[in-house]
Amino acid sequence: MFDTIREFIKAREHWFSWGAFLTGFTWDNFTLNRIDQLLDMLVLIGLITIATIGITLMNAIEERREIENRFVAIAPFVPLLVQFSLGGLFSGLFVFYSRSGTILSAWPFWLLLIGLLLGNEFFRNRYRGVSFQLSIYYIALLSLCVLLVPVFLREMGALVFLLSTAISAFLMALVFFLLRRVAPNRVRRRQKLTASLLVGVLVLFNGLYFTNIIPPIPLSMKELGFYHTVVREGGEYRVSYEAGAWWEFWKQSDDVFHWRGSEPLYCFASVFAPTDLDTKIYHHWQFKNAKGDWEERGRIAYSIAGGRDGGYRGYTLKTALEIGRWRCRVETARGQVIGQKTILVVPADNPVELTSELR
């Protein structure tokens, strides 16, 4: 029975390879919610553990093939295990990275996931190469450390990022030395290439972080909008915005602000942070000039406290408006963008009809 199943999988390896990756990819979209929840952290840590075990087994099997010239019984199943775990892990990382900052700020994971999906047939053979395996694995491990370490420390910033990369390098070294014990010949032949690729991944991530391309994880934007008024009522905020047409059932804030020359424009944001993580965020107001460039019009800070499901709510306002397009970017102290929204300010002679609701 076992031999029959093994032969069945080997004969249809292409489809099982796709299925394993896609199953892992979709798994986290139904299971992950908050990065500071124990279950979510255990899922991601469990997936990197499975990937570690799978890569170790895969190299041990390949080493025995070369030395003893025979197959290990579980050989066809191990690549599927690795693809499932990596698919699930990159899916989970994409979920959290795309929530932090704009969707465009998660482009490294978009490219990686698309590359893994489109090149799945190519990767089935490449997964047997030590250098390729560990490069993909280290991208996942480093991304996971950068995500989880701020949650455990309840702090974020450049020093925490550097500590995250140091922890990932230490863990990667342990995995590398483990592979040298179970598959010494395979690792030795590709040792210099593997080390160069791993260092390259580390340098690349540092470059992406310090150029503010990596989003400001673990912060994430829950809500961002422009309003005519924002008033605190007990533990809630009452916001008012221009009523939409009957068919604009999705409208929850202003996209066009009819300005009468005196009233301020409010930017209201709700930013999620993990429990006990307190930090400052900034509302960066900008105006688009006649040349099409965004001009600085003020950067206002306030502190947020983590733990609330809906995020920590706060607002700033702008009174010295001009006719034209405005933008409010919600940023960290380092200038990493958590979220941004634009609005068109146009003149209005008469009052506009407003609708209000509690947030």
Protein backbone atom coordinates (compact mmCIF):
# COMPACT_ATOMS: atom_id res chain seq x y z
CA MET A 1 0.00 0.00 0.00
CA PHE A 2 2.78 2.41 0.91
CA ASP A 3 4.70 1.56 -2.27
CA THR A 4 1.56 2.11 -4.35
CA ILE A 5 0.99 5.56 -2.84
CA ARG A 6 4.65 6.47 -3.36
CA GLU A 7 4.60 5.46 -7.01
CA PHE A 8 1.32 7.30 -7.54
CA ILE A 9 2.86 10.51 -6.17
CA LYS A 10 6.04 10.10 -8.19
CA ALA A 11 4.03 9.65 -11.40
CA ARG A 12 2.06 12.84 -10.72
CA GLU A 13 4.76 14.86 -9.00
CA HIS A 14 3.97 18.00 -10.99
CA TRP A 15 0.37 18.21 -9.79
CA PHE A 16 1.17 17.24 -6.21
CA SER A 17 3.90 19.88 -6.17
CA TRP A 18 1.45 22.57 -7.24
CA GLY A 19 -1.16 21.31 -4.80
CA ALA A 20 1.23 21.29 -1.85
CA PHE A 21 2.35 24.85 -2.50
CA LEU A 22 -1.15 26.22 -3.12
CA THR A 23 -2.55 24.43 -0.07
CA GLY A 24 0.14 25.98 2.09
CA PHE A 25 -0.44 29.34 0.43
CA THR A 26 -4.19 29.39 1.17
CA TRP A 27 -3.94 27.89 4.66
CA ASP A 28 -2.85 31.08 6.40
CA ASN A 29 -5.52 33.22 4.81
CA PHE A 30 -8.09 31.33 6.90
CA THR A 31 -6.08 30.96 10.09
CA LEU A 32 -4.09 34.18 10.65
CA ASN A 33 -5.62 37.20 12.34
CA ARG A 34 -3.26 39.09 14.70
CA ILE A 35 0.49 38.69 14.88
CA ASP A 36 0.46 39.08 18.68
CA GLN A 37 -1.92 36.15 19.14
CA LEU A 38 -0.34 32.93 20.35
CA LEU A 39 -2.05 30.78 17.69
CA ASP A 40 -0.82 32.97 14.83
CA MET A 41 2.74 32.94 16.13
CA LEU A 42 2.62 29.17 16.63
CA VAL A 43 1.38 28.67 13.06
CA LEU A 44 4.28 30.64 11.58
CA ILE A 45 6.87 29.10 13.90
CA GLY A 46 5.43 25.66 13.17
CA LEU A 47 5.73 26.22 9.41
CA ILE A 48 9.38 27.32 9.62
CA THR A 49 10.04 24.27 11.83
CA ILE A 50 8.44 21.95 9.26
CA ALA A 51 10.48 23.60 6.50
CA THR A 52 13.65 23.09 8.56
CA ILE A 53 12.88 19.42 9.09
CA GLY A 54 11.96 18.96 5.44
CA ILE A 55 15.15 20.54 4.11
CA THR A 56 17.24 18.49 6.54
CA LEU A 57 15.53 15.26 5.45
CA MET A 58 15.79 16.17 1.79
CA ASN A 59 19.54 16.68 1.97
CA ALA A 60 20.05 13.55 4.06
CA ILE A 61 18.14 11.57 1.42
CA GLU A 62 20.12 13.07 -1.45
CA GLU A 63 23.39 12.35 0.37
CA ARG A 64 22.43 8.69 0.79
CA ARG A 65 21.42 8.45 -2.84
CA GLU A 66 24.86 9.59 -3.88
CA ILE A 67 26.68 7.29 -1.44
CA GLU A 68 24.51 4.20 -1.30
CA ASN A 69 22.79 4.52 -4.68
CA ARG A 70 19.33 3.68 -3.32
CA PHE A 71 16.13 5.53 -2.51
CA VAL A 72 14.84 6.19 0.94
CA ALA A 73 11.19 5.19 1.33
CA ILE A 74 9.96 8.68 2.14
CA ALA A 75 11.89 10.44 -0.64
CA PRO A 76 8.86 11.41 -2.81
CA PHE A 77 7.02 12.94 0.13
CA VAL A 78 9.71 15.25 1.49
CA PRO A 79 9.69 17.85 -1.36
CA LEU A 80 5.93 18.14 -0.93
CA LEU A 81 6.44 18.79 2.78
CA VAL A 82 8.95 21.54 2.02
CA GLN A 83 6.73 23.17 -0.61
CA PHE A 84 3.67 23.07 1.65
CA SER A 85 5.53 24.68 4.54
CA LEU A 86 7.22 27.34 2.39
CA GLY A 87 3.96 28.09 0.59
CA GLY A 88 2.16 28.54 3.89
CA LEU A 89 4.99 30.53 5.41
CA PHE A 90 5.32 32.99 2.53
CA SER A 91 1.55 33.33 2.42
CA GLY A 92 1.47 34.19 6.13
CA LEU A 93 4.33 36.64 5.77
CA PHE A 94 2.58 38.28 2.84
CA VAL A 95 -0.64 38.59 4.87
CA PHE A 96 1.10 40.55 7.64
CA TYR A 97 3.53 42.52 5.47
CA SER A 98 0.76 43.68 3.13
CA ARG A 99 -1.33 44.83 6.09
CA SER A 100 1.57 46.98 7.27
CA GLY A 101 1.98 49.93 4.95
CA THR A 102 0.53 50.21 1.48
CA ILE A 103 -0.02 47.13 -0.64
CA LEU A 104 2.85 48.27 -2.87
CA SER A 105 5.23 48.12 0.08
CA ALA A 106 4.86 44.33 0.08
CA TRP A 107 6.16 44.04 -3.50
CA PRO A 108 9.17 41.87 -2.53
CA PHE A 109 6.76 39.20 -1.34
CA TRP A 110 4.51 39.66 -4.37
CA LEU A 111 7.49 39.00 -6.63
CA LEU A 112 8.70 36.07 -4.57
CA LEU A 113 5.30 34.41 -4.38
CA ILE A 114 4.63 34.93 -8.09
CA GLY A 115 8.07 33.58 -8.89
CA LEU A 116 7.51 30.50 -6.73
CA LEU A 117 4.09 29.89 -8.26
CA LEU A 118 5.05 30.40 -11.91
CA GLY A 119 8.33 28.59 -11.57
CA ASN A 120 6.99 25.70 -9.56
CA GLU A 121 7.93 23.16 -12.22
CA PHE A 122 11.47 24.54 -12.32
CA PHE A 123 11.74 24.63 -8.54
CA ARG A 124 10.89 20.94 -8.16
CA ASN A 125 14.38 20.12 -9.37
CA ARG A 126 16.03 23.18 -7.88
CA TYR A 127 14.76 22.30 -4.41
CA ARG A 128 17.34 19.50 -4.40
CA GLY A 129 20.17 22.04 -4.57
CA VAL A 130 21.54 23.13 -1.20
CA SER A 131 22.26 26.72 -2.24
CA PHE A 132 18.79 27.27 -3.68
CA GLN A 133 17.04 25.61 -0.74
CA LEU A 134 18.83 27.65 1.88
CA SER A 135 18.45 30.95 -0.01
CA ILE A 136 14.67 30.58 -0.14
CA TYR A 137 14.62 29.27 3.41
CA TYR A 138 16.67 32.20 4.74
CA ILE A 139 14.40 34.74 3.08
CA ALA A 140 11.52 33.18 5.00
CA LEU A 141 13.47 32.89 8.25
CA LEU A 142 14.76 36.47 8.13
CA SER A 143 11.31 37.85 7.26
CA LEU A 144 9.82 35.93 10.17
CA CYS A 145 12.42 37.22 12.65
CA VAL A 146 11.86 40.80 11.50
CA LEU A 147 8.14 40.29 12.06
CA LEU A 148 8.19 38.50 15.43
CA VAL A 149 11.09 40.06 17.36
CA PRO A 150 9.36 43.48 17.75
CA VAL A 151 6.27 41.66 19.06
CA PHE A 152 8.29 39.77 21.69
CA LEU A 153 10.31 42.85 22.71
CA ARG A 154 7.32 45.24 22.46
CA GLU A 155 9.57 47.73 20.70
CA MET A 156 10.39 48.66 17.13
CA GLY A 157 13.03 50.67 15.33
CA ALA A 158 16.41 50.32 13.68
CA LEU A 159 18.10 48.63 16.65
CA VAL A 160 15.31 46.07 16.93
CA PHE A 161 15.60 45.38 13.19
CA LEU A 162 19.34 44.84 13.48
CA LEU A 163 18.77 42.50 16.43
CA SER A 164 16.23 40.60 14.31
CA THR A 165 18.76 40.14 11.51
CA ALA A 166 21.40 38.99 14.02
CA ILE A 167 19.03 36.39 15.47
CA SER A 168 18.14 35.16 11.99
CA ALA A 169 21.85 34.86 11.08
CA PHE A 170 22.50 32.83 14.24
CA LEU A 171 19.58 30.47 13.53
CA MET A 172 20.67 30.13 9.91
CA ALA A 173 24.17 29.20 11.06
CA LEU A 174 22.70 26.46 13.27
CA VAL A 175 20.74 25.05 10.33
CA PHE A 176 23.82 25.22 8.12
CA PHE A 177 25.94 23.29 10.61
CA LEU A 178 23.14 20.74 11.02
CA LEU A 179 23.14 20.15 7.27
CA ARG A 180 26.92 19.76 7.32
CA ARG A 181 26.46 16.85 9.72
CA VAL A 182 23.67 15.06 7.83
CA ALA A 183 24.89 15.81 4.30
CA PRO A 184 28.59 16.82 4.51
CA ASN A 185 29.46 16.10 0.88
CA ARG A 186 26.57 18.08 -0.59
CA VAL A 187 27.12 21.07 1.68
CA ARG A 188 30.88 21.14 1.19
CA ARG A 189 30.60 21.27 -2.63
CA ARG A 190 28.36 24.37 -2.53
CA GLN A 191 29.63 25.98 0.66
CA LYS A 192 31.09 29.18 -0.86
CA LEU A 193 28.13 29.75 -3.18
CA THR A 194 25.65 29.14 -0.37
CA ALA A 195 27.46 31.51 2.01
CA SER A 196 27.56 34.22 -0.68
CA LEU A 197 23.83 33.90 -1.37
CA LEU A 198 22.93 34.03 2.32
CA VAL A 199 25.06 37.13 2.88
CA GLY A 200 23.43 38.66 -0.20
CA VAL A 201 19.95 38.06 1.26
CA LEU A 202 21.02 39.69 4.53
CA VAL A 203 22.50 42.73 2.78
CA LEU A 204 19.43 43.06 0.55
CA PHE A 205 17.03 43.09 3.50
CA ASN A 206 19.08 45.72 5.31
CA GLY A 207 19.07 47.84 2.17
CA LEU A 208 15.29 47.49 1.80
CA TYR A 209 14.74 48.40 5.45
CA PHE A 210 16.98 51.45 5.61
CA THR A 211 15.52 52.81 2.37
CA ASN A 212 12.02 52.39 3.90
CA ILE A 213 10.89 49.84 1.33
CA ILE A 214 10.13 47.17 3.93
CA PRO A 215 6.84 48.18 5.60
CA PRO A 216 6.77 49.18 9.30
CA ILE A 217 5.79 45.80 10.72
CA PRO A 218 4.19 44.94 13.10
CA LEU A 219 2.11 48.14 12.75
CA SER A 220 -0.84 47.98 10.37
CA MET A 221 -3.45 50.43 9.14
CA LYS A 222 -7.05 49.63 10.11
CA GLU A 223 -8.75 52.80 8.98
CA LEU A 224 -7.76 56.08 7.32
CA GLY A 225 -10.02 58.83 6.04
CA PHE A 226 -10.74 62.54 5.65
CA TYR A 227 -13.67 64.20 7.45
CA HIS A 228 -15.38 67.53 8.03
CA THR A 229 -15.45 67.02 11.79
CA VAL A 230 -14.05 64.55 14.34
CA VAL A 231 -15.39 64.77 17.91
CA ARG A 232 -14.58 62.51 20.88
CA GLU A 233 -17.72 61.09 22.52
CA GLY A 234 -16.82 58.96 25.51
CA GLY A 235 -14.76 56.07 24.24
CA GLU A 236 -15.75 56.60 20.60
CA TYR A 237 -15.21 59.20 17.87
CA ARG A 238 -18.04 60.80 15.92
CA VAL A 239 -16.97 61.63 12.38
CA SER A 240 -18.92 63.54 9.73
CA TYR A 241 -18.44 63.46 5.99
CA GLU A 242 -20.32 64.49 2.87
CA ALA A 243 -23.30 62.30 2.13
CA GLY A 244 -22.87 60.16 -0.96
CA ALA A 245 -25.35 59.37 -3.69
CA TRP A 246 -27.86 56.59 -3.04
CA TRP A 247 -25.68 54.11 -4.89
CA GLU A 248 -22.47 54.97 -3.00
CA PHE A 249 -23.23 52.51 -0.21
CA TRP A 250 -19.52 51.91 0.40
CA LYS A 251 -18.65 55.54 1.17
CA GLN A 252 -17.24 56.03 4.68
CA SER A 253 -15.15 59.20 4.32
CA ASP A 254 -14.55 62.13 1.99
CA ASP A 255 -12.73 61.86 -1.33
CA VAL A 256 -13.68 65.41 -2.33
CA PHE A 257 -13.81 68.15 0.30
CA HIS A 258 -16.11 71.09 -0.48
CA TRP A 259 -14.35 73.87 1.39
CA ARG A 260 -16.04 77.12 2.39
CA GLY A 261 -12.79 78.89 3.32
CA SER A 262 -12.88 78.52 7.11
CA GLU A 263 -13.57 74.96 8.22
CA PRO A 264 -10.65 72.59 8.85
CA LEU A 265 -9.98 69.27 7.18
CA TYR A 266 -9.53 66.29 9.52
CA CYS A 267 -7.43 63.20 8.92
CA PHE A 268 -8.59 60.32 11.14
CA ALA A 269 -6.56 57.12 11.41
CA SER A 270 -6.73 53.86 13.29
CA VAL A 271 -3.40 51.99 13.54
CA PHE A 272 -3.06 48.50 14.99
CA ALA A 273 -0.05 47.70 17.16
CA PRO A 274 0.58 44.49 19.13
CA THR A 275 -0.30 44.37 22.81
CA ASP A 276 1.98 46.49 25.04
CA LEU A 277 3.82 48.01 22.07
CA ASP A 278 3.72 51.80 22.48
CA THR A 279 5.24 54.09 19.89
CA LYS A 280 4.76 57.39 18.06
CA ILE A 281 3.24 57.83 14.65
CA TYR A 282 3.11 60.92 12.45
CA HIS A 283 0.52 62.48 10.18
CA HIS A 284 2.51 63.92 7.32
CA TRP A 285 0.42 66.52 5.44
CA GLN A 286 1.41 67.31 1.86
CA PHE A 287 0.03 69.49 -0.95
CA LYS A 288 0.46 68.85 -4.67
CA ASN A 289 1.81 71.98 -6.35
CA ALA A 290 1.45 73.15 -9.94
CA LYS A 291 4.54 71.16 -10.97
CA GLY A 292 2.98 67.95 -9.68
CA ASP A 293 5.35 67.66 -6.70
CA TRP A 294 4.20 67.00 -3.14
CA GLU A 295 5.09 69.92 -0.86
CA GLU A 296 5.65 69.58 2.89
CA ARG A 297 2.76 71.11 4.88
CA GLY A 298 3.41 69.80 8.38
CA ARG A 299 4.25 66.58 10.23
CA ILE A 300 2.32 66.07 13.46
CA ALA A 301 3.12 63.32 15.98
CA TYR A 302 1.06 61.52 18.60
CA SER A 303 1.58 58.37 20.67
CA ILE A 304 -0.31 55.13 20.14
CA ALA A 305 -0.79 52.13 22.45
CA GLY A 306 -1.11 48.59 21.15
CA GLY A 307 -3.62 45.86 21.90
CA ARG A 308 -6.96 47.09 20.52
CA ASP A 309 -8.38 44.93 17.71
CA GLY A 310 -9.61 47.93 15.78
CA GLY A 311 -6.37 49.82 16.25
CA TYR A 312 -5.45 52.95 18.20
CA ARG A 313 -7.48 55.91 16.93
CA GLY A 314 -6.25 59.46 16.53
CA TYR A 315 -6.59 62.46 14.27
CA THR A 316 -4.96 65.68 13.13
CA LEU A 317 -6.43 68.62 11.29
CA LYS A 318 -5.38 71.23 8.74
CA THR A 319 -6.80 74.75 8.76
CA ALA A 320 -4.60 76.60 6.25
CA LEU A 321 -5.95 74.85 3.17
CA GLU A 322 -5.53 75.60 -0.51
CA ILE A 323 -7.62 74.53 -3.46
CA GLY A 324 -6.12 71.39 -4.96
CA ARG A 325 -5.06 67.88 -4.03
CA TRP A 326 -3.87 67.04 -0.51
CA ARG A 327 -2.34 63.92 0.98
CA CYS A 328 -2.05 62.59 4.52
CA ARG A 329 0.64 59.95 5.04
CA VAL A 330 0.66 58.04 8.33
CA GLU A 331 4.31 57.31 9.08
CA THR A 332 6.70 56.04 11.72
CA ALA A 333 9.42 58.25 13.16
CA ARG A 334 11.80 56.91 10.49
CA GLY A 335 9.40 57.86 7.71
CA GLN A 336 8.10 54.35 6.94
CA VAL A 337 4.60 54.67 5.48
CA ILE A 338 1.87 52.78 7.34
CA GLY A 339 -0.84 54.14 5.06
CA GLN A 340 -1.76 57.17 2.99
CA LYS A 341 -4.79 58.77 1.40
CA THR A 342 -5.39 61.72 -0.92
CA ILE A 343 -8.31 64.14 -1.20
CA LEU A 344 -9.31 66.90 -3.59
CA VAL A 345 -10.20 70.25 -1.97
CA VAL A 346 -12.63 72.30 -4.08
CA PRO A 347 -14.41 75.62 -3.32
CA ALA A 348 -18.01 75.59 -2.13
CA ASP A 349 -20.43 78.52 -1.80
CA ASN A 350 -23.18 76.69 0.04
CA PRO A 351 -23.15 74.24 2.95
CA VAL A 352 -23.05 70.56 2.00
CA GLU A 353 -25.16 67.79 3.45
CA LEU A 354 -23.20 65.77 6.00
CA THR A 355 -23.72 62.36 7.52
CA SER A 356 -22.15 61.25 10.78
CA GLU A 357 -21.39 58.00 12.56
CA LEU A 358 -19.41 56.66 15.49
CA ARG A 359 -16.03 55.00 14.98
